[in-house]
Amino acid sequence: MTSPVRRKLFFSVFAAMILAALAVLVAPSNPAAAHGNVIGPASRNYGCFERWGSKFQDPAMATEDPMCWQAWQANPNAMWNWNGLFREGVAGQHETAIPDGQLCSAGHTESGRYNAMDTVGDWKATSIGNSFTVQLFDGARHGADYIRVYVTKPGYNPVTTPLKWSDLQLITTVPNTPAAGWTHQLSNGVQIDIPVSVSGRSGRAMVYTIWQASHLDQSYYFCSDVNFGGSQPSSSPSTSPSSSPSSSPSVSPSVSPSVSTPPVSGSCAASYAVTSQWSGGFQGEVKVTAGSAAIKNWTVTLTYPGTPPIQQAWNATITTSGNTVSAVNATYNGSVASGASTSFGFLGSGAPATPTLTCNATT
């Protein structure tokens, strides 16, 4: 017979294994709290999030956008955390801290989360002219000690060659600029538009941006694939977090057309939609819309007929009690202008069940 000591040891180990597995299932995958990224020309990970965030399980990505496909397969948190690609304590020694070939991952920062950004290949490129605008979004209103914009030298081909410091030419430097002085003051952060001009360029290249945030020794690094010779996309800023990511950042996956704006009778309203579904799981999204007054923060309660299926969420912090899930805004998307919207998403297990939603907010 098994001794009591051995049985106790077995059940202790088994319980620890179960708890560890549950921790993996419910661990949130929220974007790194309130940082930023280059949204135009879109950086590699923001571009992948923008194009595929609401359909990242779609197998069509493998053929339509293979570089994004390999990045999502390597680590989907590199896209969910599109605003967290930074290093701390570099002290301005960028070329020392980041080896050649690792510029797009900031030297394998964040325990290698963004390593796939260094993968050489035919990343989707933004068509631009020889005069273009770099749009940098700052969700936390850190401001900048400085911003440096580089363009790769003629002859460099990002499709075939790893990026080295010697491939870059510094084109523009923005000096110390507090967040209050950035070009656009948005409801979910600030955006600065940086005019850039080169001459005689055509074909593939890369724009490399270093943003030295002002609040700490925190340096952000962004690789944007471009194709000189096309037209420059619109640089108009958004006025609310729900605007199209093509002109400004959205803090959640692209809203499906099935997510309608709900009528608002109180401080806020919430609506729910399934944005994608596969065997054994689905992706859901909740849209939060402010009422007649701007709100400072919000809480959405999702009540399910049975056990809540939510496994992980982004752009909100969730807690579960019985058949109810409470979702509280993240630090960067709690403030919503009157009549404007934001949203959060989640992954669920099994078949989707429609919850009953209630929304409460502080004005």
Protein backbone atom coordinates (compact mmCIF):
# COMPACT_ATOMS: atom_id res chain seq x y z
CA MET A 1 0.00 0.00 0.00
CA THR A 2 1.06 3.56 -0.65
CA SER A 3 2.26 5.31 2.49
CA PRO A 4 0.44 8.48 3.71
CA VAL A 5 3.63 10.48 3.16
CA ARG A 6 3.91 9.31 -0.45
CA ARG A 7 0.21 10.01 -1.12
CA LYS A 8 0.58 13.50 0.37
CA LEU A 9 3.64 14.19 -1.78
CA PHE A 10 1.84 12.96 -4.91
CA PHE A 11 -1.20 15.16 -4.35
CA SER A 12 1.00 18.19 -3.56
CA VAL A 13 2.90 17.79 -6.83
CA PHE A 14 -0.33 17.16 -8.76
CA ALA A 15 -1.96 20.28 -7.27
CA ALA A 16 1.07 22.39 -8.18
CA MET A 17 0.91 21.13 -11.77
CA ILE A 18 -2.79 21.97 -12.03
CA LEU A 19 -2.25 25.47 -10.62
CA ALA A 20 0.61 26.10 -13.05
CA ALA A 21 -1.53 25.01 -15.99
CA LEU A 22 -4.41 27.21 -14.89
CA ALA A 23 -2.04 30.16 -14.54
CA VAL A 24 -1.03 29.74 -18.18
CA LEU A 25 -4.65 29.57 -19.29
CA VAL A 26 -5.84 32.69 -17.50
CA ALA A 27 -2.69 34.82 -17.72
CA PRO A 28 -3.65 38.11 -19.36
CA SER A 29 -1.94 39.12 -22.55
CA ASN A 30 -2.50 42.85 -22.24
CA PRO A 31 -0.38 45.31 -24.17
CA ALA A 32 2.50 46.65 -22.11
CA ALA A 33 0.95 49.39 -20.04
CA ALA A 34 0.78 52.68 -21.80
CA HIS A 35 3.77 52.98 -24.09
CA GLY A 36 3.76 53.50 -27.87
CA ASN A 37 4.94 52.68 -31.37
CA VAL A 38 5.45 54.03 -34.88
CA ILE A 39 2.07 53.69 -36.55
CA GLY A 40 3.04 55.22 -39.90
CA PRO A 41 4.89 53.85 -41.76
CA ALA A 42 3.76 51.03 -39.49
CA SER A 43 6.45 49.17 -37.60
CA ARG A 44 6.68 45.45 -38.15
CA ASN A 45 4.79 44.35 -35.07
CA TYR A 46 2.23 47.17 -35.14
CA GLY A 47 1.58 46.46 -38.83
CA CYS A 48 0.97 42.78 -38.06
CA PHE A 49 -1.38 43.73 -35.24
CA GLU A 50 -3.19 46.24 -37.43
CA ARG A 51 -3.76 43.77 -40.26
CA TRP A 52 -4.40 40.57 -38.33
CA GLY A 53 -5.24 41.38 -34.71
CA SER A 54 -8.90 40.47 -35.08
CA LYS A 55 -8.20 37.38 -37.20
CA PHE A 56 -4.81 36.15 -36.03
CA GLN A 57 -6.01 32.54 -36.26
CA ASP A 58 -6.83 32.90 -39.95
CA PRO A 59 -4.67 30.40 -41.92
CA ALA A 60 -4.83 32.75 -44.93
CA MET A 61 -2.14 34.83 -43.19
CA ALA A 62 0.41 32.10 -43.98
CA THR A 63 0.19 32.81 -47.71
CA GLU A 64 -1.03 36.42 -47.76
CA ASP A 65 1.38 37.78 -45.14
CA PRO A 66 3.99 35.11 -44.36
CA MET A 67 6.33 37.32 -42.33
CA CYS A 68 3.50 38.28 -40.01
CA TRP A 69 2.47 34.63 -39.89
CA GLN A 70 5.88 33.55 -38.64
CA ALA A 71 5.82 36.37 -36.07
CA TRP A 72 2.39 35.40 -34.72
CA GLN A 73 3.48 31.76 -34.55
CA ALA A 74 6.71 32.66 -32.77
CA ASN A 75 5.11 34.84 -30.09
CA PRO A 76 1.65 36.43 -30.44
CA ASN A 77 2.41 38.69 -27.48
CA ALA A 78 4.81 40.63 -29.71
CA MET A 79 1.71 41.93 -31.49
CA TRP A 80 -0.72 42.16 -28.56
CA ASN A 81 2.04 44.10 -26.77
CA TRP A 82 2.73 46.24 -29.82
CA ASN A 83 3.54 49.20 -27.58
CA GLY A 84 6.19 47.57 -25.40
CA LEU A 85 9.24 47.18 -27.65
CA PHE A 86 11.82 48.99 -25.53
CA ARG A 87 14.97 48.61 -23.47
CA GLU A 88 15.88 50.29 -20.21
CA GLY A 89 19.21 51.62 -18.98
CA VAL A 90 20.87 52.01 -22.38
CA ALA A 91 22.21 55.47 -21.41
CA GLY A 92 22.32 56.54 -25.05
CA GLN A 93 24.72 53.73 -26.04
CA HIS A 94 22.34 52.23 -28.58
CA GLU A 95 24.97 50.71 -30.85
CA THR A 96 26.71 49.08 -27.90
CA ALA A 97 23.55 47.69 -26.31
CA ILE A 98 22.02 46.27 -29.50
CA PRO A 99 24.08 43.94 -31.74
CA ASP A 100 23.91 44.01 -35.53
CA GLY A 101 21.11 41.79 -36.78
CA GLN A 102 18.99 42.45 -33.69
CA LEU A 103 17.97 46.07 -34.28
CA CYS A 104 14.30 45.27 -34.90
CA SER A 105 13.95 43.30 -31.65
CA ALA A 106 15.90 45.89 -29.60
CA GLY A 107 18.58 43.30 -28.92
CA HIS A 108 16.17 40.47 -28.04
CA THR A 109 14.51 42.63 -25.41
CA GLU A 110 11.70 41.48 -23.09
CA SER A 111 13.10 37.94 -22.80
CA GLY A 112 13.03 37.49 -26.57
CA ARG A 113 9.36 38.40 -27.06
CA TYR A 114 10.11 40.39 -30.23
CA ASN A 115 12.84 38.19 -31.75
CA ALA A 116 10.75 37.40 -34.84
CA MET A 117 10.94 41.09 -35.82
CA ASP A 118 14.57 40.45 -36.83
CA THR A 119 13.62 37.69 -39.27
CA VAL A 120 14.81 38.53 -42.77
CA GLY A 121 12.18 38.31 -45.48
CA ASP A 122 9.56 40.07 -47.54
CA TRP A 123 7.68 42.00 -44.84
CA LYS A 124 4.71 44.05 -46.02
CA ALA A 125 6.07 47.46 -47.01
CA THR A 126 4.36 50.85 -46.91
CA SER A 127 4.60 52.77 -50.19
CA ILE A 128 5.98 56.28 -49.62
CA GLY A 129 7.48 59.14 -51.57
CA ASN A 130 10.87 60.77 -50.99
CA SER A 131 9.09 63.16 -48.61
CA PHE A 132 7.02 61.36 -46.00
CA THR A 133 5.87 61.58 -42.39
CA VAL A 134 6.79 59.34 -39.47
CA GLN A 135 3.85 59.10 -37.05
CA LEU A 136 4.81 58.13 -33.51
CA PHE A 137 2.06 57.37 -30.98
CA ASP A 138 2.68 57.79 -27.24
CA GLY A 139 -0.13 56.21 -25.22
CA ALA A 140 1.28 57.28 -21.85
CA ARG A 141 2.18 60.86 -22.81
CA HIS A 142 5.80 60.24 -21.83
CA GLY A 143 7.11 62.82 -24.29
CA ALA A 144 10.61 62.53 -25.72
CA ASP A 145 14.14 63.46 -24.73
CA TYR A 146 14.78 62.99 -28.45
CA ILE A 147 13.57 61.05 -31.47
CA ARG A 148 15.95 59.90 -34.22
CA VAL A 149 14.77 58.78 -37.64
CA TYR A 150 17.14 56.78 -39.83
CA VAL A 151 16.72 55.50 -43.39
CA THR A 152 18.76 52.62 -44.73
CA LYS A 153 21.42 53.56 -47.27
CA PRO A 154 20.89 52.98 -51.00
CA GLY A 155 21.60 49.38 -51.94
CA TYR A 156 20.40 47.87 -48.68
CA ASN A 157 17.66 45.27 -49.22
CA PRO A 158 15.65 44.25 -46.11
CA VAL A 159 14.21 41.28 -47.99
CA THR A 160 17.60 39.55 -48.09
CA THR A 161 19.88 41.23 -45.53
CA PRO A 162 19.85 41.50 -41.70
CA LEU A 163 19.89 45.12 -40.51
CA LYS A 164 23.19 46.49 -39.17
CA TRP A 165 23.99 49.87 -37.68
CA SER A 166 26.30 50.57 -40.63
CA ASP A 167 23.29 50.22 -42.98
CA LEU A 168 21.61 53.28 -41.42
CA GLN A 169 21.84 56.96 -42.22
CA LEU A 170 20.53 59.46 -39.67
CA ILE A 171 18.05 61.75 -41.46
CA THR A 172 16.12 63.65 -38.78
CA THR A 173 16.44 64.33 -35.05
CA VAL A 174 13.61 65.77 -32.96
CA PRO A 175 14.93 67.47 -29.80
CA ASN A 176 13.40 67.33 -26.33
CA THR A 177 9.63 67.64 -26.77
CA PRO A 178 7.21 67.22 -23.83
CA ALA A 179 3.98 65.37 -24.60
CA ALA A 180 2.04 68.65 -24.44
CA GLY A 181 3.98 69.84 -27.49
CA TRP A 182 3.31 66.80 -29.69
CA THR A 183 1.37 67.31 -32.91
CA HIS A 184 -1.93 65.71 -31.90
CA GLN A 185 -3.51 65.50 -28.46
CA LEU A 186 -5.74 62.41 -28.67
CA SER A 187 -8.18 60.86 -26.24
CA ASN A 188 -5.93 57.82 -25.77
CA GLY A 189 -2.51 59.49 -25.90
CA VAL A 190 -0.51 61.84 -28.10
CA GLN A 191 0.94 61.58 -31.58
CA ILE A 192 3.87 63.42 -33.13
CA ASP A 193 4.21 63.78 -36.91
CA ILE A 194 7.83 64.00 -38.04
CA PRO A 195 8.48 65.23 -41.59
CA VAL A 196 11.26 63.30 -43.32
CA SER A 197 12.84 64.00 -46.69
CA VAL A 198 15.38 62.07 -48.77
CA SER A 199 16.28 62.41 -52.43
CA GLY A 200 16.58 60.09 -55.39
CA ARG A 201 15.33 57.00 -53.58
CA SER A 202 13.36 54.14 -55.10
CA GLY A 203 12.61 50.57 -54.15
CA ARG A 204 12.72 48.75 -50.84
CA ALA A 205 14.26 50.22 -47.71
CA MET A 206 13.72 50.45 -43.99
CA VAL A 207 12.95 53.39 -41.73
CA TYR A 208 14.42 52.94 -38.25
CA THR A 209 13.18 55.09 -35.38
CA ILE A 210 14.64 55.51 -31.89
CA TRP A 211 12.39 57.20 -29.36
CA GLN A 212 14.05 58.12 -26.08
CA ALA A 213 11.12 58.52 -23.69
CA SER A 214 11.41 61.27 -21.07
CA HIS A 215 10.03 59.58 -17.95
CA LEU A 216 12.88 57.04 -17.52
CA ASP A 217 15.98 55.87 -19.37
CA GLN A 218 13.64 53.94 -21.65
CA SER A 219 14.53 53.60 -25.34
CA TYR A 220 12.11 52.37 -28.01
CA TYR A 221 13.24 50.91 -31.35
CA PHE A 222 11.05 50.48 -34.43
CA CYS A 223 11.67 48.92 -37.86
CA SER A 224 9.28 50.09 -40.60
CA ASP A 225 9.49 48.46 -44.01
CA VAL A 226 8.93 50.91 -46.87
CA ASN A 227 8.86 51.00 -50.64
CA PHE A 228 9.99 54.32 -52.11
CA GLY A 229 8.02 55.38 -55.15
CA GLY A 230 4.45 55.08 -53.89
CA SER A 231 2.02 57.63 -52.50
CA GLN A 232 2.10 58.66 -48.86
CA PRO A 233 -0.86 57.41 -46.78
CA SER A 234 -3.02 59.95 -44.98
CA SER A 235 -1.44 61.28 -41.79
CA SER A 236 -4.62 62.62 -40.21
CA PRO A 237 -4.85 61.74 -36.51
CA SER A 238 -7.67 59.96 -34.81
CA THR A 239 -10.10 61.67 -32.47
CA SER A 240 -11.03 58.56 -30.52
CA PRO A 241 -9.56 55.12 -29.84
CA SER A 242 -12.15 53.48 -32.10
CA SER A 243 -10.90 55.15 -35.29
CA SER A 244 -9.28 53.05 -37.98
CA PRO A 245 -5.71 51.98 -37.10
CA SER A 246 -4.62 53.08 -40.59
CA SER A 247 -4.59 56.67 -39.37
CA SER A 248 -4.02 56.24 -35.66
CA PRO A 249 -3.46 53.47 -33.13
CA SER A 250 -6.30 51.42 -31.82
CA VAL A 251 -5.71 49.83 -28.46
CA SER A 252 -7.58 46.70 -29.42
CA PRO A 253 -7.95 44.44 -32.47
CA SER A 254 -9.80 45.97 -35.40
CA VAL A 255 -13.51 46.16 -34.70
CA SER A 256 -15.57 43.71 -36.71
CA PRO A 257 -18.42 45.25 -38.73
CA SER A 258 -20.76 43.16 -36.55
CA VAL A 259 -19.81 45.20 -33.47
CA SER A 260 -22.36 48.00 -33.66
CA THR A 261 -22.33 51.14 -31.55
CA PRO A 262 -24.90 50.54 -28.81
CA PRO A 263 -27.43 53.14 -27.68
CA VAL A 264 -26.22 54.90 -24.55
CA SER A 265 -28.75 55.75 -21.86
CA GLY A 266 -26.33 56.11 -18.93
CA SER A 267 -22.67 56.90 -18.47
CA CYS A 268 -21.62 54.15 -20.92
CA ALA A 269 -22.88 51.18 -22.90
CA ALA A 270 -21.25 47.92 -24.02
CA SER A 271 -21.84 45.59 -26.95
CA TYR A 272 -20.39 42.17 -27.72
CA ALA A 273 -19.43 40.29 -30.88
CA VAL A 274 -17.50 37.17 -31.86
CA THR A 275 -14.78 38.31 -34.27
CA SER A 276 -13.35 34.90 -35.15
CA GLN A 277 -13.99 31.25 -34.33
CA TRP A 278 -12.16 27.95 -34.75
CA SER A 279 -12.47 24.38 -33.51
CA GLY A 280 -12.38 24.53 -29.72
CA GLY A 281 -12.22 28.28 -29.29
CA PHE A 282 -13.12 31.77 -30.40
CA GLN A 283 -12.16 35.43 -30.12
CA GLY A 284 -14.61 37.93 -28.67
CA GLU A 285 -14.66 41.69 -28.50
CA VAL A 286 -16.56 44.16 -26.33
CA LYS A 287 -17.07 47.73 -27.47
CA VAL A 288 -17.46 50.40 -24.79
CA THR A 289 -19.15 53.67 -25.76
CA ALA A 290 -19.31 56.77 -23.57
CA GLY A 291 -22.61 58.58 -23.07
CA SER A 292 -23.30 62.30 -23.25
CA ALA A 293 -20.35 63.07 -20.97
CA ALA A 294 -16.70 62.02 -21.22
CA ILE A 295 -15.71 59.19 -18.90
CA LYS A 296 -12.53 58.72 -16.86
CA ASN A 297 -12.70 54.96 -16.38
CA TRP A 298 -15.12 52.11 -16.98
CA THR A 299 -16.09 48.62 -15.85
CA VAL A 300 -17.99 46.11 -17.97
CA THR A 301 -19.68 43.12 -16.33
CA LEU A 302 -20.25 40.01 -18.47
CA THR A 303 -22.74 37.54 -17.00
CA TYR A 304 -22.79 34.10 -18.64
CA PRO A 305 -25.46 31.38 -18.43
CA GLY A 306 -22.77 28.99 -17.19
CA THR A 307 -19.03 28.96 -16.53
CA PRO A 308 -17.35 31.92 -18.27
CA PRO A 309 -15.27 30.72 -21.24
CA ILE A 310 -12.70 33.56 -21.13
CA GLN A 311 -9.09 32.38 -21.00
CA GLN A 312 -7.10 35.57 -21.59
CA ALA A 313 -7.84 39.18 -22.41
CA TRP A 314 -6.16 42.34 -23.64
CA ASN A 315 -6.88 46.05 -23.15
CA ALA A 316 -8.71 45.28 -19.89
CA THR A 317 -8.03 43.58 -16.55
CA ILE A 318 -10.50 40.79 -15.86
CA THR A 319 -11.61 39.02 -12.70
CA THR A 320 -14.02 36.10 -12.52
CA SER A 321 -16.52 35.25 -9.78
CA GLY A 322 -18.94 32.40 -10.43
CA ASN A 323 -20.58 33.02 -13.81
CA THR A 324 -19.63 36.71 -13.89
CA VAL A 325 -16.57 38.39 -15.38
CA SER A 326 -15.66 41.98 -14.52
CA ALA A 327 -13.48 43.83 -17.04
CA VAL A 328 -11.82 47.08 -15.91
CA ASN A 329 -10.13 49.43 -18.37
CA ALA A 330 -6.37 49.45 -18.81
CA THR A 331 -4.39 52.55 -17.86
CA TYR A 332 -4.36 53.81 -21.44
CA ASN A 333 -8.00 53.35 -22.52
CA GLY A 334 -10.07 54.41 -19.53
CA SER A 335 -10.53 57.99 -20.70
CA VAL A 336 -13.13 58.12 -23.47
CA ALA A 337 -14.60 61.27 -24.98
CA SER A 338 -18.35 61.86 -25.08
CA GLY A 339 -19.90 59.59 -27.72
CA ALA A 340 -16.55 57.95 -28.51
CA SER A 341 -15.67 54.29 -28.10
CA THR A 342 -12.90 51.96 -27.11
CA SER A 343 -12.84 48.17 -26.88
CA PHE A 344 -11.20 45.14 -25.35
CA GLY A 345 -10.83 41.61 -26.61
CA PHE A 346 -10.42 38.11 -25.27
CA LEU A 347 -9.88 34.49 -26.22
CA GLY A 348 -12.47 31.93 -25.16
CA SER A 349 -12.62 28.15 -25.06
CA GLY A 350 -15.33 25.98 -26.54
CA ALA A 351 -18.33 27.37 -28.39
CA PRO A 352 -19.07 31.07 -27.85
CA ALA A 353 -21.89 31.93 -25.45
CA THR A 354 -23.44 35.39 -25.49
CA PRO A 355 -23.13 37.16 -22.12
CA THR A 356 -25.41 39.79 -20.63
CA LEU A 357 -23.50 43.08 -20.48
CA THR A 358 -23.66 45.99 -18.09
CA CYS A 359 -21.41 49.05 -18.22
CA ASN A 360 -20.57 51.50 -15.44
CA ALA A 361 -18.24 54.48 -15.70
CA THR A 362 -16.88 57.43 -13.75
CA THR A 363 -17.40 60.78 -15.46
